[in-house]
PDB file of all heavy atoms in Angstrom:
ATOM      1  N   VAL A   1       3.760 -11.257  -1.522  1.00  0.00           N
ATOM      2  CA  VAL A   1       2.522 -10.531  -1.776  1.00  0.00           C
ATOM      3  C   VAL A   1       1.819 -11.161  -2.976  1.00  0.00           C
ATOM      4  O   VAL A   1       2.447 -11.461  -4.000  1.00  0.00           O
ATOM      5  CB  VAL A   1       2.799  -9.043  -2.057  1.00  0.00           C
ATOM      6  CG1 VAL A   1       1.486  -8.299  -2.308  1.00  0.00           C
ATOM      7  CG2 VAL A   1       3.535  -8.414  -0.885  1.00  0.00           C
ATOM      8  N   PHE A   2       0.489 -11.363  -2.833  1.00  0.00           N
ATOM      9  CA  PHE A   2      -0.294 -11.993  -3.898  1.00  0.00           C
ATOM     10  C   PHE A   2      -1.520 -11.150  -4.222  1.00  0.00           C
ATOM     11  O   PHE A   2      -1.965 -10.315  -3.418  1.00  0.00           O
ATOM     12  CB  PHE A   2      -0.719 -13.407  -3.465  1.00  0.00           C
ATOM     13  CG  PHE A   2       0.439 -14.317  -3.198  1.00  0.00           C
ATOM     14  CD1 PHE A   2       0.914 -14.478  -1.890  1.00  0.00           C
ATOM     15  CD2 PHE A   2       1.068 -15.005  -4.230  1.00  0.00           C
ATOM     16  CE1 PHE A   2       1.984 -15.318  -1.631  1.00  0.00           C
ATOM     17  CE2 PHE A   2       2.136 -15.848  -3.962  1.00  0.00           C
ATOM     18  CZ  PHE A   2       2.605 -16.009  -2.666  1.00  0.00           C
ATOM     19  N   ASP A   3      -2.045 -11.404  -5.399  1.00  0.00           N
ATOM     20  CA  ASP A   3      -3.249 -10.702  -5.840  1.00  0.00           C
ATOM     21  C   ASP A   3      -4.380 -10.953  -4.841  1.00  0.00           C
ATOM     22  O   ASP A   3      -4.630 -12.085  -4.432  1.00  0.00           O
ATOM     23  CB  ASP A   3      -3.657 -11.223  -7.228  1.00  0.00           C
ATOM     24  CG  ASP A   3      -4.612 -10.277  -7.934  1.00  0.00           C
ATOM     25  OD1 ASP A   3      -5.021  -9.284  -7.308  1.00  0.00           O
ATOM     26  OD2 ASP A   3      -4.955 -10.539  -9.100  1.00  0.00           O
ATOM     27  N   GLY A   4      -5.060  -9.875  -4.421  1.00  0.00           N
ATOM     28  CA  GLY A   4      -6.143  -9.980  -3.455  1.00  0.00           C
ATOM     29  C   GLY A   4      -5.726  -9.706  -2.031  1.00  0.00           C
ATOM     30  O   GLY A   4      -6.593  -9.561  -1.151  1.00  0.00           O
ATOM     31  N   ASP A   5      -4.408  -9.631  -1.781  1.00  0.00           N
ATOM     32  CA  ASP A   5      -3.939  -9.308  -0.433  1.00  0.00           C
ATOM     33  C   ASP A   5      -4.316  -7.863  -0.071  1.00  0.00           C
ATOM     34  O   ASP A   5      -4.590  -7.028  -0.943  1.00  0.00           O
ATOM     35  CB  ASP A   5      -2.420  -9.460  -0.343  1.00  0.00           C
ATOM     36  CG  ASP A   5      -1.999 -10.910  -0.133  1.00  0.00           C
ATOM     37  OD1 ASP A   5      -2.888 -11.747   0.102  1.00  0.00           O
ATOM     38  OD2 ASP A   5      -0.787 -11.194  -0.235  1.00  0.00           O
ATOM     39  N   ALA A   6      -4.284  -7.588   1.223  1.00  0.00           N
ATOM     40  CA  ALA A   6      -4.447  -6.213   1.715  1.00  0.00           C
ATOM     41  C   ALA A   6      -3.146  -5.791   2.376  1.00  0.00           C
ATOM     42  O   ALA A   6      -2.452  -6.593   3.012  1.00  0.00           O
ATOM     43  CB  ALA A   6      -5.596  -6.140   2.711  1.00  0.00           C
ATOM     44  N   LEU A   7      -2.818  -4.490   2.197  1.00  0.00           N
ATOM     45  CA  LEU A   7      -1.601  -3.914   2.783  1.00  0.00           C
ATOM     46  C   LEU A   7      -2.007  -2.802   3.736  1.00  0.00           C
ATOM     47  O   LEU A   7      -2.954  -2.062   3.468  1.00  0.00           O
ATOM     48  CB  LEU A   7      -0.688  -3.354   1.689  1.00  0.00           C
ATOM     49  CG  LEU A   7      -0.335  -4.281   0.521  1.00  0.00           C
ATOM     50  CD1 LEU A   7       0.507  -3.541  -0.500  1.00  0.00           C
ATOM     51  CD2 LEU A   7       0.408  -5.520   1.028  1.00  0.00           C
ATOM     52  N   GLU A   8      -1.287  -2.663   4.850  1.00  0.00           N
ATOM     53  CA  GLU A   8      -1.587  -1.617   5.828  1.00  0.00           C
ATOM     54  C   GLU A   8      -0.306  -0.889   6.211  1.00  0.00           C
ATOM     55  O   GLU A   8       0.773  -1.489   6.270  1.00  0.00           O
ATOM     56  CB  GLU A   8      -2.252  -2.209   7.073  1.00  0.00           C
ATOM     57  CG  GLU A   8      -3.629  -2.804   6.785  1.00  0.00           C
ATOM     58  CD  GLU A   8      -4.345  -3.254   8.064  1.00  0.00           C
ATOM     59  OE1 GLU A   8      -3.659  -3.372   9.102  1.00  0.00           O
ATOM     60  OE2 GLU A   8      -5.559  -3.485   8.014  1.00  0.00           O
ATOM     61  N   LEU A   9      -0.440   0.407   6.494  1.00  0.00           N
ATOM     62  CA  LEU A   9       0.728   1.202   6.899  1.00  0.00           C
ATOM     63  C   LEU A   9       0.266   2.442   7.642  1.00  0.00           C
ATOM     64  O   LEU A   9      -0.923   2.810   7.589  1.00  0.00           O
ATOM     65  CB  LEU A   9       1.560   1.608   5.690  1.00  0.00           C
ATOM     66  CG  LEU A   9       1.023   2.767   4.808  1.00  0.00           C
ATOM     67  CD1 LEU A   9       2.169   3.493   4.130  1.00  0.00           C
ATOM     68  CD2 LEU A   9       0.021   2.262   3.787  1.00  0.00           C
ATOM     69  N   ARG A  10       1.230   3.081   8.318  1.00  0.00           N
ATOM     70  CA  ARG A  10       1.061   4.427   8.858  1.00  0.00           C
ATOM     71  C   ARG A  10       1.849   5.366   7.945  1.00  0.00           C
ATOM     72  O   ARG A  10       3.046   5.177   7.761  1.00  0.00           O
ATOM     73  CB  ARG A  10       1.596   4.527  10.283  1.00  0.00           C
ATOM     74  CG  ARG A  10       0.832   3.697  11.298  1.00  0.00           C
ATOM     75  CD  ARG A  10      -0.349   4.466  11.825  1.00  0.00           C
ATOM     76  NE  ARG A  10      -1.146   3.694  12.771  1.00  0.00           N
ATOM     77  CZ  ARG A  10      -2.275   4.109  13.300  1.00  0.00           C
ATOM     78  NH1 ARG A  10      -2.738   5.324  12.978  1.00  0.00           N
ATOM     79  NH2 ARG A  10      -2.960   3.357  14.138  1.00  0.00           N
ATOM     80  N   ASP A  11       1.179   6.350   7.363  1.00  0.00           N
ATOM     81  CA  ASP A  11       1.891   7.211   6.413  1.00  0.00           C
ATOM     82  C   ASP A  11       2.698   8.281   7.156  1.00  0.00           C
ATOM     83  O   ASP A  11       2.789   8.267   8.398  1.00  0.00           O
ATOM     84  CB  ASP A  11       0.940   7.797   5.371  1.00  0.00           C
ATOM     85  CG  ASP A  11       0.056   8.916   5.902  1.00  0.00           C
ATOM     86  OD1 ASP A  11       0.107   9.230   7.103  1.00  0.00           O
ATOM     87  OD2 ASP A  11      -0.694   9.498   5.094  1.00  0.00           O
ATOM     88  N   ALA A  12       3.277   9.231   6.406  1.00  0.00           N
ATOM     89  CA  ALA A  12       4.174  10.222   6.991  1.00  0.00           C
ATOM     90  C   ALA A  12       3.486  11.077   8.036  1.00  0.00           C
ATOM     91  O   ALA A  12       4.138  11.659   8.911  1.00  0.00           O
ATOM     92  CB  ALA A  12       4.760  11.110   5.885  1.00  0.00           C
ATOM     93  N   ARG A  13       2.147  11.170   7.995  1.00  0.00           N
ATOM     94  CA  ARG A  13       1.396  11.962   8.980  1.00  0.00           C
ATOM     95  C   ARG A  13       0.910  11.126  10.146  1.00  0.00           C
ATOM     96  O   ARG A  13       0.228  11.634  11.038  1.00  0.00           O
ATOM     97  CB  ARG A  13       0.202  12.625   8.307  1.00  0.00           C
ATOM     98  CG  ARG A  13       0.557  13.528   7.128  1.00  0.00           C
ATOM     99  CD  ARG A  13      -0.685  13.902   6.333  1.00  0.00           C
ATOM    100  NE  ARG A  13      -1.319  12.714   5.774  1.00  0.00           N
ATOM    101  CZ  ARG A  13      -2.537  12.691   5.214  1.00  0.00           C
ATOM    102  NH1 ARG A  13      -3.256  13.806   5.181  1.00  0.00           N
ATOM    103  NH2 ARG A  13      -3.034  11.569   4.719  1.00  0.00           N
ATOM    104  N   GLY A  14       1.228   9.825  10.107  1.00  0.00           N
ATOM    105  CA  GLY A  14       0.760   8.934  11.160  1.00  0.00           C
ATOM    106  C   GLY A  14      -0.640   8.397  10.913  1.00  0.00           C
ATOM    107  O   GLY A  14      -1.222   7.756  11.800  1.00  0.00           O
ATOM    108  N   ARG A  15      -1.202   8.636   9.725  1.00  0.00           N
ATOM    109  CA  ARG A  15      -2.559   8.170   9.398  1.00  0.00           C
ATOM    110  C   ARG A  15      -2.523   6.692   8.998  1.00  0.00           C
ATOM    111  O   ARG A  15      -1.668   6.264   8.218  1.00  0.00           O
ATOM    112  CB  ARG A  15      -3.160   9.002   8.263  1.00  0.00           C
ATOM    113  CG  ARG A  15      -3.135  10.507   8.503  1.00  0.00           C
ATOM    114  CD  ARG A  15      -4.215  10.946   9.462  1.00  0.00           C
ATOM    115  NE  ARG A  15      -4.175  12.382   9.706  1.00  0.00           N
ATOM    116  CZ  ARG A  15      -4.736  13.305   8.920  1.00  0.00           C
ATOM    117  NH1 ARG A  15      -5.368  12.939   7.820  1.00  0.00           N
ATOM    118  NH2 ARG A  15      -4.664  14.591   9.240  1.00  0.00           N
ATOM    119  N   HIS A  16      -3.495   5.934   9.538  1.00  0.00           N
ATOM    120  CA  HIS A  16      -3.606   4.527   9.159  1.00  0.00           C
ATOM    121  C   HIS A  16      -4.228   4.426   7.772  1.00  0.00           C
ATOM    122  O   HIS A  16      -5.252   5.051   7.481  1.00  0.00           O
ATOM    123  CB  HIS A  16      -4.475   3.763  10.168  1.00  0.00           C
ATOM    124  CG  HIS A  16      -4.685   2.326   9.792  1.00  0.00           C
ATOM    125  ND1 HIS A  16      -5.786   1.897   9.075  1.00  0.00           N
ATOM    126  CD2 HIS A  16      -3.918   1.221  10.024  1.00  0.00           C
ATOM    127  CE1 HIS A  16      -5.704   0.596   8.886  1.00  0.00           C
ATOM    128  NE2 HIS A  16      -4.579   0.160   9.463  1.00  0.00           N
ATOM    129  N   ARG A  17      -3.617   3.635   6.899  1.00  0.00           N
ATOM    130  CA  ARG A  17      -4.118   3.462   5.551  1.00  0.00           C
ATOM    131  C   ARG A  17      -4.116   1.984   5.166  1.00  0.00           C
ATOM    132  O   ARG A  17      -3.208   1.245   5.536  1.00  0.00           O
ATOM    133  CB  ARG A  17      -3.270   4.248   4.527  1.00  0.00           C
ATOM    134  CG  ARG A  17      -3.388   5.762   4.685  1.00  0.00           C
ATOM    135  CD  ARG A  17      -4.793   6.227   4.284  1.00  0.00           C
ATOM    136  NE  ARG A  17      -4.941   7.668   4.372  1.00  0.00           N
ATOM    137  CZ  ARG A  17      -5.572   8.307   5.341  1.00  0.00           C
ATOM    138  NH1 ARG A  17      -6.087   7.597   6.363  1.00  0.00           N
ATOM    139  NH2 ARG A  17      -5.688   9.608   5.335  1.00  0.00           N
ATOM    140  N   ARG A  18      -5.157   1.582   4.402  1.00  0.00           N
ATOM    141  CA  ARG A  18      -5.281   0.210   3.908  1.00  0.00           C
ATOM    142  C   ARG A  18      -5.345   0.247   2.378  1.00  0.00           C
ATOM    143  O   ARG A  18      -6.068   1.053   1.789  1.00  0.00           O
ATOM    144  CB  ARG A  18      -6.548  -0.442   4.462  1.00  0.00           C
ATOM    145  CG  ARG A  18      -6.834  -1.840   3.918  1.00  0.00           C
ATOM    146  CD  ARG A  18      -8.199  -2.332   4.366  1.00  0.00           C
ATOM    147  NE  ARG A  18      -8.567  -3.573   3.699  1.00  0.00           N
ATOM    148  CZ  ARG A  18      -8.342  -4.785   4.188  1.00  0.00           C
ATOM    149  NH1 ARG A  18      -7.774  -4.924   5.387  1.00  0.00           N
ATOM    150  NH2 ARG A  18      -8.718  -5.881   3.515  1.00  0.00           N
ATOM    151  N   LEU A  19      -4.580  -0.621   1.721  1.00  0.00           N
ATOM    152  CA  LEU A  19      -4.546  -0.711   0.272  1.00  0.00           C
ATOM    153  C   LEU A  19      -4.917  -2.125  -0.158  1.00  0.00           C
ATOM    154  O   LEU A  19      -4.584  -3.109   0.530  1.00  0.00           O
ATOM    155  CB  LEU A  19      -3.154  -0.378  -0.285  1.00  0.00           C
ATOM    156  CG  LEU A  19      -2.615   1.046  -0.085  1.00  0.00           C
ATOM    157  CD1 LEU A  19      -1.927   1.175   1.278  1.00  0.00           C
ATOM    158  CD2 LEU A  19      -1.639   1.397  -1.199  1.00  0.00           C
ATOM    159  N   ASP A  20      -5.569  -2.242  -1.298  1.00  0.00           N
ATOM    160  CA  ASP A  20      -5.948  -3.539  -1.861  1.00  0.00           C
ATOM    161  C   ASP A  20      -5.051  -3.862  -3.041  1.00  0.00           C
ATOM    162  O   ASP A  20      -4.929  -3.065  -3.984  1.00  0.00           O
ATOM    163  CB  ASP A  20      -7.405  -3.515  -2.331  1.00  0.00           C
ATOM    164  CG  ASP A  20      -8.375  -3.252  -1.190  1.00  0.00           C
ATOM    165  OD1 ASP A  20      -8.153  -3.815  -0.095  1.00  0.00           O
ATOM    166  OD2 ASP A  20      -9.331  -2.471  -1.383  1.00  0.00           O
ATOM    167  N   VAL A  21      -4.414  -5.035  -3.008  1.00  0.00           N
ATOM    168  CA  VAL A  21      -3.562  -5.481  -4.117  1.00  0.00           C
ATOM    169  C   VAL A  21      -4.460  -5.917  -5.273  1.00  0.00           C
ATOM    170  O   VAL A  21      -5.314  -6.798  -5.122  1.00  0.00           O
ATOM    171  CB  VAL A  21      -2.640  -6.628  -3.681  1.00  0.00           C
ATOM    172  CG1 VAL A  21      -1.820  -7.147  -4.864  1.00  0.00           C
ATOM    173  CG2 VAL A  21      -1.715  -6.185  -2.545  1.00  0.00           C
ATOM    174  N   VAL A  22      -4.260  -5.303  -6.430  1.00  0.00           N
ATOM    175  CA  VAL A  22      -5.124  -5.578  -7.597  1.00  0.00           C
ATOM    176  C   VAL A  22      -4.351  -6.199  -8.753  1.00  0.00           C
ATOM    177  O   VAL A  22      -4.951  -6.511  -9.798  1.00  0.00           O
ATOM    178  CB  VAL A  22      -5.822  -4.285  -8.080  1.00  0.00           C
ATOM    179  CG1 VAL A  22      -6.770  -3.762  -7.012  1.00  0.00           C
ATOM    180  CG2 VAL A  22      -4.803  -3.219  -8.478  1.00  0.00           C
ATOM    181  N   GLY A  23      -3.062  -6.389  -8.595  1.00  0.00           N
ATOM    182  CA  GLY A  23      -2.291  -7.001  -9.663  1.00  0.00           C
ATOM    183  C   GLY A  23      -0.886  -7.311  -9.231  1.00  0.00           C
ATOM    184  O   GLY A  23      -0.267  -6.535  -8.496  1.00  0.00           O
ATOM    185  N   VAL A  24      -0.360  -8.474  -9.647  1.00  0.00           N
ATOM    186  CA  VAL A  24       1.003  -8.888  -9.344  1.00  0.00           C
ATOM    187  C   VAL A  24       1.656  -9.300 -10.661  1.00  0.00           C
ATOM    188  O   VAL A  24       1.104 -10.110 -11.408  1.00  0.00           O
ATOM    189  CB  VAL A  24       1.043 -10.054  -8.335  1.00  0.00           C
ATOM    190  CG1 VAL A  24       2.486 -10.484  -8.077  1.00  0.00           C
ATOM    191  CG2 VAL A  24       0.346  -9.681  -7.042  1.00  0.00           C
ATOM    192  N   SER A  25       2.806  -8.722 -10.955  1.00  0.00           N
ATOM    193  CA  SER A  25       3.512  -9.038 -12.197  1.00  0.00           C
ATOM    194  C   SER A  25       5.003  -8.879 -11.981  1.00  0.00           C
ATOM    195  O   SER A  25       5.453  -8.510 -10.888  1.00  0.00           O
ATOM    196  CB  SER A  25       3.042  -8.113 -13.331  1.00  0.00           C
ATOM    197  OG  SER A  25       3.431  -6.771 -13.050  1.00  0.00           O
ATOM    198  N   GLU A  26       5.794  -9.163 -13.031  1.00  0.00           N
ATOM    199  CA  GLU A  26       7.235  -8.982 -12.924  1.00  0.00           C
ATOM    200  C   GLU A  26       7.595  -7.509 -12.677  1.00  0.00           C
ATOM    201  O   GLU A  26       8.625  -7.216 -12.080  1.00  0.00           O
ATOM    202  CB  GLU A  26       7.917  -9.462 -14.211  1.00  0.00           C
ATOM    203  CG  GLU A  26       7.847 -10.962 -14.414  1.00  0.00           C
ATOM    204  CD  GLU A  26       8.607 -11.389 -15.647  1.00  0.00           C
ATOM    205  OE1 GLU A  26       9.152 -10.498 -16.341  1.00  0.00           O
ATOM    206  OE2 GLU A  26       8.665 -12.609 -15.912  1.00  0.00           O
ATOM    207  N   ALA A  27       6.702  -6.602 -13.126  1.00  0.00           N
ATOM    208  CA  ALA A  27       6.977  -5.172 -12.942  1.00  0.00           C
ATOM    209  C   ALA A  27       6.822  -4.747 -11.496  1.00  0.00           C
ATOM    210  O   ALA A  27       7.437  -3.763 -11.065  1.00  0.00           O
ATOM    211  CB  ALA A  27       6.061  -4.340 -13.829  1.00  0.00           C
ATOM    212  N   GLY A  28       5.986  -5.460 -10.714  1.00  0.00           N
ATOM    213  CA  GLY A  28       5.783  -5.094  -9.317  1.00  0.00           C
ATOM    214  C   GLY A  28       4.386  -5.401  -8.837  1.00  0.00           C
ATOM    215  O   GLY A  28       3.617  -6.140  -9.482  1.00  0.00           O
ATOM    216  N   ILE A  29       4.033  -4.835  -7.693  1.00  0.00           N
ATOM    217  CA  ILE A  29       2.748  -5.059  -7.041  1.00  0.00           C
ATOM    218  C   ILE A  29       1.899  -3.806  -7.207  1.00  0.00           C
ATOM    219  O   ILE A  29       2.283  -2.721  -6.749  1.00  0.00           O
ATOM    220  CB  ILE A  29       2.928  -5.360  -5.541  1.00  0.00           C
ATOM    221  CG1 ILE A  29       3.979  -6.457  -5.335  1.00  0.00           C
ATOM    222  CG2 ILE A  29       1.594  -5.713  -4.912  1.00  0.00           C
ATOM    223  CD1 ILE A  29       3.656  -7.765  -6.007  1.00  0.00           C
ATOM    224  N   ASP A  30       0.739  -3.918  -7.846  1.00  0.00           N
ATOM    225  CA  ASP A  30      -0.174  -2.789  -8.009  1.00  0.00           C
ATOM    226  C   ASP A  30      -1.216  -2.832  -6.909  1.00  0.00           C
ATOM    227  O   ASP A  30      -1.838  -3.892  -6.672  1.00  0.00           O
ATOM    228  CB  ASP A  30      -0.867  -2.823  -9.374  1.00  0.00           C
ATOM    229  CG  ASP A  30       0.087  -2.524 -10.520  1.00  0.00           C
ATOM    230  OD1 ASP A  30       1.278  -2.302 -10.254  1.00  0.00           O
ATOM    231  OD2 ASP A  30      -0.357  -2.516 -11.685  1.00  0.00           O
ATOM    232  N   ALA A  31      -1.409  -1.673  -6.244  1.00  0.00           N
ATOM    233  CA  ALA A  31      -2.370  -1.606  -5.142  1.00  0.00           C
ATOM    234  C   ALA A  31      -3.152  -0.306  -5.231  1.00  0.00           C
ATOM    235  O   ALA A  31      -2.637   0.717  -5.691  1.00  0.00           O
ATOM    236  CB  ALA A  31      -1.651  -1.713  -3.794  1.00  0.00           C
ATOM    237  N   GLU A  32      -4.400  -0.330  -4.748  1.00  0.00           N
ATOM    238  CA  GLU A  32      -5.283   0.823  -4.823  1.00  0.00           C
ATOM    239  C   GLU A  32      -5.752   1.232  -3.435  1.00  0.00           C
ATOM    240  O   GLU A  32      -5.822   0.410  -2.509  1.00  0.00           O
ATOM    241  CB  GLU A  32      -6.502   0.522  -5.698  1.00  0.00           C
ATOM    242  CG  GLU A  32      -6.159   0.283  -7.161  1.00  0.00           C
ATOM    243  CD  GLU A  32      -7.384   0.046  -8.027  1.00  0.00           C
ATOM    244  OE1 GLU A  32      -8.479  -0.227  -7.450  1.00  0.00           O
ATOM    245  OE2 GLU A  32      -7.259   0.118  -9.276  1.00  0.00           O
ATOM    246  N   CYS A  33      -6.085   2.540  -3.306  1.00  0.00           N
ATOM    247  CA  CYS A  33      -6.562   3.070  -2.035  1.00  0.00           C
ATOM    248  C   CYS A  33      -7.542   4.202  -2.319  1.00  0.00           C
ATOM    249  O   CYS A  33      -7.406   4.917  -3.316  1.00  0.00           O
ATOM    250  CB  CYS A  33      -5.388   3.579  -1.199  1.00  0.00           C
ATOM    251  SG  CYS A  33      -5.855   4.141   0.464  1.00  0.00           S
ATOM    252  N   ASP A  34      -8.542   4.357  -1.432  1.00  0.00           N
ATOM    253  CA  ASP A  34      -9.515   5.436  -1.635  1.00  0.00           C
ATOM    254  C   ASP A  34      -9.253   6.622  -0.713  1.00  0.00           C
ATOM    255  O   ASP A  34     -10.087   7.515  -0.576  1.00  0.00           O
ATOM    256  CB  ASP A  34     -10.947   4.917  -1.437  1.00  0.00           C
ATOM    257  CG  ASP A  34     -11.164   4.311  -0.062  1.00  0.00           C
ATOM    258  OD1 ASP A  34     -10.235   4.390   0.780  1.00  0.00           O
ATOM    259  OD2 ASP A  34     -12.250   3.754   0.181  1.00  0.00           O
ATOM    260  N   ARG A  35      -8.057   6.656  -0.082  1.00  0.00           N
ATOM    261  CA  ARG A  35      -7.667   7.772   0.775  1.00  0.00           C
ATOM    262  C   ARG A  35      -6.326   8.335   0.312  1.00  0.00           C
ATOM    263  O   ARG A  35      -5.547   7.673  -0.369  1.00  0.00           O
ATOM    264  CB  ARG A  35      -7.537   7.314   2.244  1.00  0.00           C
ATOM    265  CG  ARG A  35      -8.745   6.570   2.801  1.00  0.00           C
ATOM    266  CD  ARG A  35      -9.922   7.497   3.040  1.00  0.00           C
ATOM    267  NE  ARG A  35      -9.630   8.464   4.082  1.00  0.00           N
ATOM    268  CZ  ARG A  35      -9.740   8.198   5.397  1.00  0.00           C
ATOM    269  NH1 ARG A  35     -10.108   6.999   5.822  1.00  0.00           N
ATOM    270  NH2 ARG A  35      -9.486   9.146   6.281  1.00  0.00           N
ATOM    271  N   THR A  36      -6.038   9.574   0.694  1.00  0.00           N
ATOM    272  CA  THR A  36      -4.738  10.182   0.378  1.00  0.00           C
ATOM    273  C   THR A  36      -3.659   9.559   1.258  1.00  0.00           C
ATOM    274  O   THR A  36      -3.843   9.406   2.478  1.00  0.00           O
ATOM    275  CB  THR A  36      -4.782  11.700   0.612  1.00  0.00           C
ATOM    276  OG1 THR A  36      -5.759  12.261  -0.265  1.00  0.00           O
ATOM    277  CG2 THR A  36      -3.422  12.335   0.330  1.00  0.00           C
ATOM    278  N   VAL A  37      -2.524   9.214   0.638  1.00  0.00           N
ATOM    279  CA  VAL A  37      -1.421   8.573   1.353  1.00  0.00           C
ATOM    280  C   VAL A  37      -0.136   9.361   1.103  1.00  0.00           C
ATOM    281  O   VAL A  37       0.179   9.695  -0.039  1.00  0.00           O
ATOM    282  CB  VAL A  37      -1.214   7.117   0.893  1.00  0.00           C
ATOM    283  CG1 VAL A  37      -0.118   6.447   1.745  1.00  0.00           C
ATOM    284  CG2 VAL A  37      -2.502   6.323   0.963  1.00  0.00           C
ATOM    285  N   TYR A  38       0.599   9.663   2.194  1.00  0.00           N
ATOM    286  CA  TYR A  38       1.925  10.262   2.104  1.00  0.00           C
ATOM    287  C   TYR A  38       2.947   9.160   2.382  1.00  0.00           C
ATOM    288  O   TYR A  38       3.234   8.833   3.539  1.00  0.00           O
ATOM    289  CB  TYR A  38       2.089  11.387   3.118  1.00  0.00           C
ATOM    290  CG  TYR A  38       1.388  12.677   2.759  1.00  0.00           C
ATOM    291  CD1 TYR A  38       0.021  12.820   2.965  1.00  0.00           C
ATOM    292  CD2 TYR A  38       2.086  13.762   2.233  1.00  0.00           C
ATOM    293  CE1 TYR A  38      -0.635  14.006   2.652  1.00  0.00           C
ATOM    294  CE2 TYR A  38       1.446  14.948   1.907  1.00  0.00           C
ATOM    295  CZ  TYR A  38       0.088  15.066   2.118  1.00  0.00           C
ATOM    296  OH  TYR A  38      -0.550  16.245   1.800  1.00  0.00           O
ATOM    297  N   TYR A  39       3.500   8.556   1.324  1.00  0.00           N
ATOM    298  CA  TYR A  39       4.507   7.518   1.493  1.00  0.00           C
ATOM    299  C   TYR A  39       5.827   8.168   1.881  1.00  0.00           C
ATOM    300  O   TYR A  39       6.207   9.203   1.340  1.00  0.00           O
ATOM    301  CB  TYR A  39       4.688   6.726   0.196  1.00  0.00           C
ATOM    302  CG  TYR A  39       3.452   5.962  -0.217  1.00  0.00           C
ATOM    303  CD1 TYR A  39       2.545   6.513  -1.109  1.00  0.00           C
ATOM    304  CD2 TYR A  39       3.204   4.690   0.280  1.00  0.00           C
ATOM    305  CE1 TYR A  39       1.409   5.821  -1.499  1.00  0.00           C
ATOM    306  CE2 TYR A  39       2.068   3.984  -0.104  1.00  0.00           C
ATOM    307  CZ  TYR A  39       1.164   4.564  -0.982  1.00  0.00           C
ATOM    308  OH  TYR A  39       0.040   3.874  -1.354  1.00  0.00           O
ATOM    309  N   ARG A  40       6.566   7.567   2.832  1.00  0.00           N
ATOM    310  CA  ARG A  40       7.860   8.109   3.254  1.00  0.00           C
ATOM    311  C   ARG A  40       8.911   7.019   3.224  1.00  0.00           C
ATOM    312  O   ARG A  40       8.608   5.828   3.385  1.00  0.00           O
ATOM    313  CB  ARG A  40       7.765   8.692   4.671  1.00  0.00           C
ATOM    314  CG  ARG A  40       7.358   7.705   5.747  1.00  0.00           C
ATOM    315  CD  ARG A  40       7.320   8.337   7.123  1.00  0.00           C
ATOM    316  NE  ARG A  40       6.821   7.398   8.130  1.00  0.00           N
ATOM    317  CZ  ARG A  40       7.574   6.497   8.754  1.00  0.00           C
ATOM    318  NH1 ARG A  40       8.878   6.426   8.480  1.00  0.00           N
ATOM    319  NH2 ARG A  40       7.049   5.673   9.643  1.00  0.00           N
ATOM    320  N   SER A  41      10.159   7.429   2.991  1.00  0.00           N
ATOM    321  CA  SER A  41      11.268   6.472   2.968  1.00  0.00           C
ATOM    322  C   SER A  41      11.374   5.759   4.314  1.00  0.00           C
ATOM    323  O   SER A  41      11.275   6.387   5.373  1.00  0.00           O
ATOM    324  CB  SER A  41      12.587   7.191   2.670  1.00  0.00           C
ATOM    325  OG  SER A  41      12.569   7.773   1.391  1.00  0.00           O
ATOM    326  N   GLY A  42      11.567   4.445   4.265  1.00  0.00           N
ATOM    327  CA  GLY A  42      11.748   3.649   5.475  1.00  0.00           C
ATOM    328  C   GLY A  42      10.467   3.194   6.138  1.00  0.00           C
ATOM    329  O   GLY A  42      10.506   2.457   7.135  1.00  0.00           O
ATOM    330  N   ALA A  43       9.298   3.623   5.609  1.00  0.00           N
ATOM    331  CA  ALA A  43       8.024   3.209   6.215  1.00  0.00           C
ATOM    332  C   ALA A  43       7.822   1.707   6.031  1.00  0.00           C
ATOM    333  O   ALA A  43       8.203   1.121   5.011  1.00  0.00           O
ATOM    334  CB  ALA A  43       6.867   3.975   5.572  1.00  0.00           C
ATOM    335  N   SER A  44       7.216   1.085   7.042  1.00  0.00           N
ATOM    336  CA  SER A  44       6.926  -0.351   6.994  1.00  0.00           C
ATOM    337  C   SER A  44       5.482  -0.570   6.552  1.00  0.00           C
ATOM    338  O   SER A  44       4.568   0.089   7.053  1.00  0.00           O
ATOM    339  CB  SER A  44       7.148  -1.000   8.364  1.00  0.00           C
ATOM    340  OG  SER A  44       8.502  -0.895   8.757  1.00  0.00           O
ATOM    341  N   ILE A  45       5.302  -1.496   5.617  1.00  0.00           N
ATOM    342  CA  ILE A  45       3.977  -1.855   5.125  1.00  0.00           C
ATOM    343  C   ILE A  45       3.749  -3.330   5.459  1.00  0.00           C
ATOM    344  O   ILE A  45       4.546  -4.198   5.083  1.00  0.00           O
ATOM    345  CB  ILE A  45       3.873  -1.644   3.599  1.00  0.00           C
ATOM    346  CG1 ILE A  45       4.201  -0.190   3.231  1.00  0.00           C
ATOM    347  CG2 ILE A  45       2.500  -2.028   3.083  1.00  0.00           C
ATOM    348  CD1 ILE A  45       4.256   0.060   1.742  1.00  0.00           C
TER     349      ILE A  45
END
């Protein structure tokens, strides 16, 4: 994953969501979204 990438997933409710990667560092990948997202264990992004 690199800065500027887009991420997509189906959240716990089955809603399609798109996130924009805004930062990559040793701490992890920071991403933003303008919709509510229910992240669930085991979900694929």
